[in-house]
């Protein structure tokens, strides 16, 4: 018995077609996993896989730009400016205190 390289199900050693996924098997194309191969826990595929950025370059690039230029500065500003009062007269931020009657 061996595993199908496409669906990772057990198949006969001499099988030319996988009975589970229907893929044609070529004895020359079946290789032993190398040190760079990865296994998908969802479907059982074993082989070379691309990284997130190398697979879908443009959408990830846009997401990274959005994180770097919009989300992170927004979070930094929110953390820095939270609960700091701004003077409507001069615009000074966080340079005030409670005005106590007296």
PDB file of N, CA and C in Angstrom:
ATOM      1  N   UNK A   1       0.846  -1.184   0.000  1.00  0.00           N
ATOM      2  CA  UNK A   1       0.000   0.000   0.000  1.00  0.00           C
ATOM      3  C   UNK A   1       0.890   1.245   0.000  1.00  0.00           C
ATOM      4  N   UNK A   2       0.392   2.289  -0.636  1.00  0.00           N
ATOM      5  CA  UNK A   2       1.057   3.589  -0.654  1.00  0.00           C
ATOM      6  C   UNK A   2      -0.006   4.674  -0.595  1.00  0.00           C
ATOM      7  N   UNK A   3       0.429   5.898  -0.443  1.00  0.00           N
ATOM      8  CA  UNK A   3      -0.512   7.015  -0.373  1.00  0.00           C
ATOM      9  C   UNK A   3      -0.577   7.720  -1.714  1.00  0.00           C
ATOM     10  N   UNK A   4      -1.780   8.155  -2.056  1.00  0.00           N
ATOM     11  CA  UNK A   4      -1.976   8.940  -3.274  1.00  0.00           C
ATOM     12  C   UNK A   4      -1.332  10.311  -3.062  1.00  0.00           C
ATOM     13  N   UNK A   5      -0.535  10.809  -4.018  1.00  0.00           N
ATOM     14  CA  UNK A   5       0.096  12.124  -3.844  1.00  0.00           C
ATOM     15  C   UNK A   5      -0.891  13.284  -3.945  1.00  0.00           C
ATOM     16  N   UNK A   6      -2.110  13.015  -4.414  1.00  0.00           N
ATOM     17  CA  UNK A   6      -3.101  14.070  -4.581  1.00  0.00           C
ATOM     18  C   UNK A   6      -4.049  14.182  -3.393  1.00  0.00           C
ATOM     19  N   UNK A   7      -4.503  13.025  -2.879  1.00  0.00           N
ATOM     20  CA  UNK A   7      -5.484  13.082  -1.784  1.00  0.00           C
ATOM     21  C   UNK A   7      -5.000  12.407  -0.512  1.00  0.00           C
ATOM     22  N   UNK A   8      -3.844  11.755  -0.537  1.00  0.00           N
ATOM     23  CA  UNK A   8      -3.205  11.113   0.614  1.00  0.00           C
ATOM     24  C   UNK A   8      -3.977   9.910   1.153  1.00  0.00           C
ATOM     25  N   UNK A   9      -4.885   9.371   0.363  1.00  0.00           N
ATOM     26  CA  UNK A   9      -5.601   8.147   0.763  1.00  0.00           C
ATOM     27  C   UNK A   9      -4.753   6.924   0.416  1.00  0.00           C
ATOM     28  N   UNK A  10      -4.974   5.830   1.109  1.00  0.00           N
ATOM     29  CA  UNK A  10      -4.250   4.583   0.846  1.00  0.00           C
ATOM     30  C   UNK A  10      -4.742   3.975  -0.468  1.00  0.00           C
ATOM     31  N   UNK A  11      -3.791   3.605  -1.329  1.00  0.00           N
ATOM     32  CA  UNK A  11      -4.118   2.959  -2.604  1.00  0.00           C
ATOM     33  C   UNK A  11      -3.178   1.777  -2.807  1.00  0.00           C
ATOM     34  N   UNK A  12      -3.512   0.928  -3.753  1.00  0.00           N
ATOM     35  CA  UNK A  12      -2.659  -0.225  -4.066  1.00  0.00           C
ATOM     36  C   UNK A  12      -1.336   0.255  -4.665  1.00  0.00           C
ATOM     37  N   UNK A  13      -0.289  -0.508  -4.449  1.00  0.00           N
ATOM     38  CA  UNK A  13       1.045  -0.156  -4.938  1.00  0.00           C
ATOM     39  C   UNK A  13       1.079  -0.056  -6.460  1.00  0.00           C
ATOM     40  N   UNK A  14       0.343  -0.926  -7.164  1.00  0.00           N
ATOM     41  CA  UNK A  14       0.379  -0.957  -8.626  1.00  0.00           C
ATOM     42  C   UNK A  14      -0.751  -0.169  -9.284  1.00  0.00           C
ATOM     43  N   UNK A  15      -1.512   0.598  -8.520  1.00  0.00           N
ATOM     44  CA  UNK A  15      -2.644   1.356  -9.057  1.00  0.00           C
ATOM     45  C   UNK A  15      -2.167   2.424 -10.038  1.00  0.00           C
ATOM     46  N   UNK A  16      -2.936   2.603 -11.117  1.00  0.00           N
ATOM     47  CA  UNK A  16      -2.613   3.649 -12.090  1.00  0.00           C
ATOM     48  C   UNK A  16      -3.598   4.820 -11.986  1.00  0.00           C
ATOM     49  N   UNK A  17      -4.670   4.612 -11.239  1.00  0.00           N
ATOM     50  CA  UNK A  17      -5.650   5.669 -11.012  1.00  0.00           C
ATOM     51  C   UNK A  17      -6.121   5.556  -9.567  1.00  0.00           C
ATOM     52  N   UNK A  18      -6.219   6.705  -8.895  1.00  0.00           N
ATOM     53  CA  UNK A  18      -6.672   6.701  -7.499  1.00  0.00           C
ATOM     54  C   UNK A  18      -8.178   6.455  -7.457  1.00  0.00           C
ATOM     55  N   UNK A  19      -8.596   5.489  -6.638  1.00  0.00           N
ATOM     56  CA  UNK A  19     -10.028   5.181  -6.541  1.00  0.00           C
ATOM     57  C   UNK A  19     -10.776   6.195  -5.678  1.00  0.00           C
ATOM     58  N   UNK A  20     -10.066   7.038  -4.947  1.00  0.00           N
ATOM     59  CA  UNK A  20     -10.707   8.026  -4.076  1.00  0.00           C
ATOM     60  C   UNK A  20     -10.914   9.375  -4.779  1.00  0.00           C
ATOM     61  N   UNK A  21      -9.838   9.871  -5.412  1.00  0.00           N
ATOM     62  CA  UNK A  21      -9.943  11.197  -6.050  1.00  0.00           C
ATOM     63  C   UNK A  21     -10.030  11.127  -7.568  1.00  0.00           C
ATOM     64  N   UNK A  22      -9.707   9.971  -8.164  1.00  0.00           N
ATOM     65  CA  UNK A  22      -9.824   9.814  -9.607  1.00  0.00           C
ATOM     66  C   UNK A  22      -8.637  10.305 -10.404  1.00  0.00           C
ATOM     67  N   UNK A  23      -7.577  10.771  -9.746  1.00  0.00           N
ATOM     68  CA  UNK A  23      -6.392  11.279 -10.458  1.00  0.00           C
ATOM     69  C   UNK A  23      -5.585  10.117 -11.027  1.00  0.00           C
ATOM     70  N   UNK A  24      -5.037  10.332 -12.219  1.00  0.00           N
ATOM     71  CA  UNK A  24      -4.159   9.343 -12.840  1.00  0.00           C
ATOM     72  C   UNK A  24      -2.806   9.396 -12.144  1.00  0.00           C
ATOM     73  N   UNK A  25      -2.251   8.222 -11.866  1.00  0.00           N
ATOM     74  CA  UNK A  25      -0.970   8.140 -11.167  1.00  0.00           C
ATOM     75  C   UNK A  25       0.108   7.670 -12.131  1.00  0.00           C
ATOM     76  N   UNK A  26       1.203   8.366 -12.146  1.00  0.00           N
ATOM     77  CA  UNK A  26       2.344   7.996 -12.960  1.00  0.00           C
ATOM     78  C   UNK A  26       3.446   7.561 -12.002  1.00  0.00           C
ATOM     79  N   UNK A  27       3.988   6.381 -12.185  1.00  0.00           N
ATOM     80  CA  UNK A  27       4.994   5.874 -11.248  1.00  0.00           C
ATOM     81  C   UNK A  27       6.235   6.754 -11.225  1.00  0.00           C
ATOM     82  N   UNK A  28       6.511   7.444 -12.323  1.00  0.00           N
ATOM     83  CA  UNK A  28       7.691   8.307 -12.364  1.00  0.00           C
ATOM     84  C   UNK A  28       7.454   9.630 -11.641  1.00  0.00           C
ATOM     85  N   UNK A  29       6.213  10.067 -11.567  1.00  0.00           N
ATOM     86  CA  UNK A  29       5.928  11.357 -10.939  1.00  0.00           C
ATOM     87  C   UNK A  29       5.804  11.254  -9.426  1.00  0.00           C
ATOM     88  N   UNK A  30       5.660  10.052  -8.893  1.00  0.00           N
ATOM     89  CA  UNK A  30       5.525   9.889  -7.449  1.00  0.00           C
ATOM     90  C   UNK A  30       6.907   9.919  -6.843  1.00  0.00           C
ATOM     91  N   UNK A  31       7.120  10.818  -5.946  1.00  0.00           N
ATOM     92  CA  UNK A  31       8.431  10.981  -5.333  1.00  0.00           C
ATOM     93  C   UNK A  31       8.302  10.915  -3.829  1.00  0.00           C
ATOM     94  N   UNK A  32       9.400  10.650  -3.196  1.00  0.00           N
ATOM     95  CA  UNK A  32       9.405  10.657  -1.740  1.00  0.00           C
ATOM     96  C   UNK A  32       9.468  12.104  -1.271  1.00  0.00           C
ATOM     97  N   UNK A  33       8.830  12.426  -0.149  1.00  0.00           N
ATOM     98  CA  UNK A  33       8.862  13.806   0.331  1.00  0.00           C
ATOM     99  C   UNK A  33      10.288  14.262   0.625  1.00  0.00           C
ATOM    100  N   UNK A  34      10.609  15.461   0.193  1.00  0.00           N
ATOM    101  CA  UNK A  34      11.925  16.027   0.497  1.00  0.00           C
ATOM    102  C   UNK A  34      11.813  16.881   1.757  1.00  0.00           C
ATOM    103  N   UNK A  35      12.917  17.462   2.140  1.00  0.00           N
ATOM    104  CA  UNK A  35      12.915  18.270   3.365  1.00  0.00           C
ATOM    105  C   UNK A  35      12.144  19.570   3.191  1.00  0.00           C
ATOM    106  N   UNK A  36      11.936  20.027   1.940  1.00  0.00           N
ATOM    107  CA  UNK A  36      11.209  21.273   1.697  1.00  0.00           C
ATOM    108  C   UNK A  36       9.717  21.067   1.488  1.00  0.00           C
ATOM    109  N   UNK A  37       9.269  19.820   1.388  1.00  0.00           N
ATOM    110  CA  UNK A  37       7.851  19.550   1.179  1.00  0.00           C
ATOM    111  C   UNK A  37       7.059  19.813   2.459  1.00  0.00           C
ATOM    112  N   UNK A  38       5.829  20.223   2.269  1.00  0.00           N
ATOM    113  CA  UNK A  38       4.939  20.494   3.392  1.00  0.00           C
ATOM    114  C   UNK A  38       3.679  19.670   3.233  1.00  0.00           C
ATOM    115  N   UNK A  39       3.004  19.385   4.331  1.00  0.00           N
ATOM    116  CA  UNK A  39       1.770  18.598   4.289  1.00  0.00           C
ATOM    117  C   UNK A  39       0.598  19.476   4.689  1.00  0.00           C
ATOM    118  N   UNK A  40      -0.449  19.449   3.860  1.00  0.00           N
ATOM    119  CA  UNK A  40      -1.670  20.181   4.160  1.00  0.00           C
ATOM    120  C   UNK A  40      -2.514  19.339   5.117  1.00  0.00           C
ATOM    121  N   UNK A  41      -2.895  19.906   6.250  1.00  0.00           N
ATOM    122  CA  UNK A  41      -3.705  19.182   7.226  1.00  0.00           C
ATOM    123  C   UNK A  41      -5.167  19.119   6.809  1.00  0.00           C
ATOM    124  N   UNK A  42      -5.564  19.916   5.855  1.00  0.00           N
ATOM    125  CA  UNK A  42      -6.948  19.922   5.367  1.00  0.00           C
ATOM    126  C   UNK A  42      -7.208  18.789   4.380  1.00  0.00           C
ATOM    127  N   UNK A  43      -6.345  18.683   3.334  1.00  0.00           N
ATOM    128  CA  UNK A  43      -6.600  17.695   2.279  1.00  0.00           C
ATOM    129  C   UNK A  43      -5.572  16.575   2.230  1.00  0.00           C
ATOM    130  N   UNK A  44      -4.442  16.716   2.924  1.00  0.00           N
ATOM    131  CA  UNK A  44      -3.428  15.678   2.932  1.00  0.00           C
ATOM    132  C   UNK A  44      -2.379  15.810   1.846  1.00  0.00           C
ATOM    133  N   UNK A  45      -2.417  16.867   1.036  1.00  0.00           N
ATOM    134  CA  UNK A  45      -1.441  17.076  -0.037  1.00  0.00           C
ATOM    135  C   UNK A  45      -0.045  17.196   0.559  1.00  0.00           C
ATOM    136  N   UNK A  46       0.919  16.535  -0.074  1.00  0.00           N
ATOM    137  CA  UNK A  46       2.312  16.639   0.339  1.00  0.00           C
ATOM    138  C   UNK A  46       3.102  17.121  -0.862  1.00  0.00           C
ATOM    139  N   UNK A  47       3.816  18.220  -0.712  1.00  0.00           N
ATOM    140  CA  UNK A  47       4.619  18.748  -1.814  1.00  0.00           C
ATOM    141  C   UNK A  47       5.021  20.184  -1.552  1.00  0.00           C
ATOM    142  N   UNK A  48       5.526  20.819  -2.600  1.00  0.00           N
ATOM    143  CA  UNK A  48       5.961  22.203  -2.506  1.00  0.00           C
ATOM    144  C   UNK A  48       4.755  23.123  -2.396  1.00  0.00           C
ATOM    145  N   UNK A  49       4.843  24.110  -1.547  1.00  0.00           N
ATOM    146  CA  UNK A  49       3.779  25.096  -1.401  1.00  0.00           C
ATOM    147  C   UNK A  49       4.408  26.482  -1.420  1.00  0.00           C
ATOM    148  N   UNK A  50       3.649  27.428  -1.926  1.00  0.00           N
ATOM    149  CA  UNK A  50       4.116  28.816  -1.955  1.00  0.00           C
ATOM    150  C   UNK A  50       3.748  29.508  -0.657  1.00  0.00           C
ATOM    151  N   UNK A  51       4.512  30.530  -0.323  1.00  0.00           N
ATOM    152  CA  UNK A  51       4.174  31.324   0.847  1.00  0.00           C
ATOM    153  C   UNK A  51       2.998  32.230   0.523  1.00  0.00           C
ATOM    154  N   UNK A  52       2.457  32.842   1.540  1.00  0.00           N
ATOM    155  CA  UNK A  52       1.279  33.691   1.398  1.00  0.00           C
ATOM    156  C   UNK A  52       1.516  34.793   0.373  1.00  0.00           C
ATOM    157  N   UNK A  53       2.641  35.507   0.478  1.00  0.00           N
ATOM    158  CA  UNK A  53       2.911  36.616  -0.444  1.00  0.00           C
ATOM    159  C   UNK A  53       3.294  36.144  -1.840  1.00  0.00           C
ATOM    160  N   UNK A  54       3.922  34.984  -1.962  1.00  0.00           N
ATOM    161  CA  UNK A  54       4.342  34.511  -3.272  1.00  0.00           C
ATOM    162  C   UNK A  54       3.185  33.898  -4.049  1.00  0.00           C
ATOM    163  N   UNK A  55       2.097  33.585  -3.398  1.00  0.00           N
ATOM    164  CA  UNK A  55       0.983  32.947  -4.076  1.00  0.00           C
ATOM    165  C   UNK A  55       0.028  33.982  -4.676  1.00  0.00           C
ATOM    166  N   UNK A  56      -0.338  34.975  -3.925  1.00  0.00           N
ATOM    167  CA  UNK A  56      -1.256  36.019  -4.382  1.00  0.00           C
ATOM    168  C   UNK A  56      -0.596  37.363  -4.109  1.00  0.00           C
ATOM    169  N   UNK A  57       0.304  37.776  -4.960  1.00  0.00           N
ATOM    170  CA  UNK A  57       1.132  38.949  -4.693  1.00  0.00           C
ATOM    171  C   UNK A  57       0.338  40.226  -4.492  1.00  0.00           C
ATOM    172  N   UNK A  58      -0.518  40.592  -5.415  1.00  0.00           N
ATOM    173  CA  UNK A  58      -1.143  41.902  -5.364  1.00  0.00           C
ATOM    174  C   UNK A  58      -2.103  42.079  -4.188  1.00  0.00           C
ATOM    175  N   UNK A  59      -3.040  41.154  -3.930  1.00  0.00           N
ATOM    176  CA  UNK A  59      -3.952  41.370  -2.794  1.00  0.00           C
ATOM    177  C   UNK A  59      -3.230  41.473  -1.455  1.00  0.00           C
ATOM    178  N   UNK A  60      -2.218  40.629  -1.230  1.00  0.00           N
ATOM    179  CA  UNK A  60      -1.488  40.704   0.028  1.00  0.00           C
ATOM    180  C   UNK A  60      -0.703  42.001   0.134  1.00  0.00           C
ATOM    181  N   UNK A  61      -0.172  42.467  -0.986  1.00  0.00           N
ATOM    182  CA  UNK A  61       0.555  43.731  -0.989  1.00  0.00           C
ATOM    183  C   UNK A  61      -0.363  44.872  -0.571  1.00  0.00           C
ATOM    184  N   UNK A  62      -1.587  44.877  -1.069  1.00  0.00           N
ATOM    185  CA  UNK A  62      -2.558  45.910  -0.698  1.00  0.00           C
ATOM    186  C   UNK A  62      -2.907  45.803   0.785  1.00  0.00           C
ATOM    187  N   UNK A  63      -3.077  44.593   1.281  1.00  0.00           N
ATOM    188  CA  UNK A  63      -3.393  44.405   2.706  1.00  0.00           C
ATOM    189  C   UNK A  63      -2.250  44.895   3.579  1.00  0.00           C
ATOM    190  N   UNK A  64      -1.021  44.578   3.196  1.00  0.00           N
ATOM    191  CA  UNK A  64       0.134  45.026   3.985  1.00  0.00           C
ATOM    192  C   UNK A  64       0.242  46.543   3.962  1.00  0.00           C
ATOM    193  N   UNK A  65       0.016  47.151   2.790  1.00  0.00           N
ATOM    194  CA  UNK A  65       0.037  48.615   2.723  1.00  0.00           C
ATOM    195  C   UNK A  65      -1.043  49.218   3.617  1.00  0.00           C
ATOM    196  N   UNK A  66      -2.226  48.613   3.592  1.00  0.00           N
ATOM    197  CA  UNK A  66      -3.307  49.093   4.455  1.00  0.00           C
ATOM    198  C   UNK A  66      -2.955  48.988   5.925  1.00  0.00           C
ATOM    199  N   UNK A  67      -2.337  47.874   6.299  1.00  0.00           N
ATOM    200  CA  UNK A  67      -1.936  47.718   7.702  1.00  0.00           C
ATOM    201  C   UNK A  67      -0.875  48.733   8.093  1.00  0.00           C
ATOM    202  N   UNK A  68       0.116  48.915   7.216  1.00  0.00           N
ATOM    203  CA  UNK A  68       1.211  49.814   7.548  1.00  0.00           C
ATOM    204  C   UNK A  68       0.815  51.285   7.572  1.00  0.00           C
ATOM    205  N   UNK A  69      -0.038  51.695   6.640  1.00  0.00           N
ATOM    206  CA  UNK A  69      -0.319  53.116   6.509  1.00  0.00           C
ATOM    207  C   UNK A  69      -1.656  53.568   7.095  1.00  0.00           C
ATOM    208  N   UNK A  70      -2.561  52.638   7.422  1.00  0.00           N
ATOM    209  CA  UNK A  70      -3.863  53.041   7.942  1.00  0.00           C
ATOM    210  C   UNK A  70      -4.170  52.434   9.303  1.00  0.00           C
ATOM    211  N   UNK A  71      -4.027  51.146   9.433  1.00  0.00           N
ATOM    212  CA  UNK A  71      -4.411  50.476  10.676  1.00  0.00           C
ATOM    213  C   UNK A  71      -3.418  50.770  11.789  1.00  0.00           C
ATOM    214  N   UNK A  72      -2.122  50.545  11.549  1.00  0.00           N
ATOM    215  CA  UNK A  72      -1.138  50.772  12.599  1.00  0.00           C
ATOM    216  C   UNK A  72      -1.075  52.236  13.045  1.00  0.00           C
ATOM    217  N   UNK A  73      -1.025  53.196  12.136  1.00  0.00           N
ATOM    218  CA  UNK A  73      -1.050  54.580  12.612  1.00  0.00           C
ATOM    219  C   UNK A  73      -2.337  54.913  13.366  1.00  0.00           C
ATOM    220  N   UNK A  74      -3.449  54.340  12.940  1.00  0.00           N
ATOM    221  CA  UNK A  74      -4.706  54.572  13.651  1.00  0.00           C
ATOM    222  C   UNK A  74      -4.666  54.022  15.062  1.00  0.00           C
ATOM    223  N   UNK A  75      -4.118  52.824  15.218  1.00  0.00           N
ATOM    224  CA  UNK A  75      -3.994  52.245  16.560  1.00  0.00           C
ATOM    225  C   UNK A  75      -3.022  53.037  17.430  1.00  0.00           C
ATOM    226  N   UNK A  76      -1.924  53.478  16.844  1.00  0.00           N
ATOM    227  CA  UNK A  76      -0.957  54.281  17.601  1.00  0.00           C
ATOM    228  C   UNK A  76      -1.587  55.601  18.029  1.00  0.00           C
ATOM    229  N   UNK A  77      -2.290  56.254  17.126  1.00  0.00           N
ATOM    230  CA  UNK A  77      -2.938  57.515  17.484  1.00  0.00           C
ATOM    231  C   UNK A  77      -4.001  57.295  18.550  1.00  0.00           C
ATOM    232  N   UNK A  78      -4.773  56.225  18.410  1.00  0.00           N
ATOM    233  CA  UNK A  78      -5.810  55.929  19.401  1.00  0.00           C
ATOM    234  C   UNK A  78      -5.180  55.689  20.769  1.00  0.00           C
ATOM    235  N   UNK A  79      -4.086  54.923  20.832  1.00  0.00           N
ATOM    236  CA  UNK A  79      -3.424  54.656  22.114  1.00  0.00           C
ATOM    237  C   UNK A  79      -2.812  55.934  22.690  1.00  0.00           C
ATOM    238  N   UNK A  80      -2.272  56.776  21.828  1.00  0.00           N
ATOM    239  CA  UNK A  80      -1.626  57.994  22.298  1.00  0.00           C
ATOM    240  C   UNK A  80      -2.651  59.058  22.686  1.00  0.00           C
ATOM    241  N   UNK A  81      -3.718  59.163  21.926  1.00  0.00           N
ATOM    242  CA  UNK A  81      -4.667  60.246  22.140  1.00  0.00           C
ATOM    243  C   UNK A  81      -5.886  59.885  22.967  1.00  0.00           C
ATOM    244  N   UNK A  82      -5.994  58.662  23.433  1.00  0.00           N
ATOM    245  CA  UNK A  82      -7.172  58.242  24.188  1.00  0.00           C
ATOM    246  C   UNK A  82      -7.250  58.986  25.513  1.00  0.00           C
ATOM    247  N   UNK A  83      -8.384  59.556  25.771  1.00  0.00           N
ATOM    248  CA  UNK A  83      -8.684  60.274  27.020  1.00  0.00           C
ATOM    249  C   UNK A  83      -7.800  61.503  27.216  1.00  0.00           C
ATOM    250  N   UNK A  84      -7.288  62.055  26.149  1.00  0.00           N
ATOM    251  CA  UNK A  84      -6.545  63.309  26.239  1.00  0.00           C
ATOM    252  C   UNK A  84      -7.441  64.402  25.679  1.00  0.00           C
ATOM    253  N   UNK A  85      -7.552  65.480  26.420  1.00  0.00           N
ATOM    254  CA  UNK A  85      -8.455  66.564  26.046  1.00  0.00           C
ATOM    255  C   UNK A  85      -7.698  67.624  25.260  1.00  0.00           C
ATOM    256  N   UNK A  86      -8.389  68.173  24.262  1.00  0.00           N
ATOM    257  CA  UNK A  86      -7.806  69.196  23.415  1.00  0.00           C
ATOM    258  C   UNK A  86      -8.482  70.525  23.707  1.00  0.00           C
ATOM    259  N   UNK A  87      -7.669  71.552  23.867  1.00  0.00           N
ATOM    260  CA  UNK A  87      -8.186  72.892  24.122  1.00  0.00           C
ATOM    261  C   UNK A  87      -8.788  73.453  22.837  1.00  0.00           C
ATOM    262  N   UNK A  88     -10.055  73.888  22.855  1.00  0.00           N
ATOM    263  CA  UNK A  88     -10.659  74.435  21.639  1.00  0.00           C
ATOM    264  C   UNK A  88     -10.104  75.807  21.266  1.00  0.00           C
ATOM    265  N   UNK A  89      -9.460  76.465  22.210  1.00  0.00           N
ATOM    266  CA  UNK A  89      -8.939  77.797  21.950  1.00  0.00           C
ATOM    267  C   UNK A  89      -7.584  77.755  21.250  1.00  0.00           C
ATOM    268  N   UNK A  90      -6.609  77.010  21.832  1.00  0.00           N
ATOM    269  CA  UNK A  90      -5.255  76.996  21.266  1.00  0.00           C
ATOM    270  C   UNK A  90      -4.895  75.685  20.583  1.00  0.00           C
ATOM    271  N   UNK A  91      -5.659  74.612  20.808  1.00  0.00           N
ATOM    272  CA  UNK A  91      -5.388  73.325  20.171  1.00  0.00           C
ATOM    273  C   UNK A  91      -4.403  72.456  20.915  1.00  0.00           C
ATOM    274  N   UNK A  92      -3.982  72.841  22.126  1.00  0.00           N
ATOM    275  CA  UNK A  92      -3.028  72.043  22.896  1.00  0.00           C
ATOM    276  C   UNK A  92      -3.687  70.745  23.349  1.00  0.00           C
ATOM    277  N   UNK A  93      -2.986  69.656  23.176  1.00  0.00           N
ATOM    278  CA  UNK A  93      -3.509  68.342  23.540  1.00  0.00           C
ATOM    279  C   UNK A  93      -2.843  67.870  24.824  1.00  0.00           C
ATOM    280  N   UNK A  94      -3.642  67.448  25.780  1.00  0.00           N
ATOM    281  CA  UNK A  94      -3.194  66.874  27.044  1.00  0.00           C
ATOM    282  C   UNK A  94      -2.409  67.846  27.909  1.00  0.00           C
ATOM    283  N   UNK A  95      -2.601  69.123  27.719  1.00  0.00           N
ATOM    284  CA  UNK A  95      -1.944  70.118  28.554  1.00  0.00           C
ATOM    285  C   UNK A  95      -3.004  70.871  29.336  1.00  0.00           C
ATOM    286  N   UNK A  96      -3.807  70.104  30.091  1.00  0.00           N
ATOM    287  CA  UNK A  96      -4.885  70.701  30.877  1.00  0.00           C
ATOM    288  C   UNK A  96      -5.147  69.826  32.082  1.00  0.00           C
ATOM    289  N   UNK A  97      -5.922  70.337  32.971  1.00  0.00           N
ATOM    290  CA  UNK A  97      -6.314  69.595  34.175  1.00  0.00           C
ATOM    291  C   UNK A  97      -7.735  69.977  34.528  1.00  0.00           C
ATOM    292  N   UNK A  98      -8.286  69.294  35.531  1.00  0.00           N
ATOM    293  CA  UNK A  98      -9.646  69.584  35.969  1.00  0.00           C
ATOM    294  C   UNK A  98      -9.708  70.984  36.560  1.00  0.00           C
ATOM    295  N   UNK A  99     -10.711  71.700  36.162  1.00  0.00           N
ATOM    296  CA  UNK A  99     -10.932  73.034  36.724  1.00  0.00           C
ATOM    297  C   UNK A  99     -11.857  72.854  37.924  1.00  0.00           C
ATOM    298  N   UNK A 100     -11.331  73.014  39.107  1.00  0.00           N
ATOM    299  CA  UNK A 100     -12.096  72.829  40.338  1.00  0.00           C
ATOM    300  C   UNK A 100     -12.686  74.167  40.757  1.00  0.00           C
ATOM    301  N   UNK A 101     -13.967  74.170  41.106  1.00  0.00           N
ATOM    302  CA  UNK A 101     -14.612  75.403  41.578  1.00  0.00           C
ATOM    303  C   UNK A 101     -13.919  75.893  42.830  1.00  0.00           C
ATOM    304  N   UNK A 102     -13.546  77.094  42.798  1.00  0.00           N
ATOM    305  CA  UNK A 102     -12.987  77.599  44.040  1.00  0.00           C
ATOM    306  C   UNK A 102     -12.234  78.839  43.902  1.00  0.00           C
TER     307      UNK A 102
END
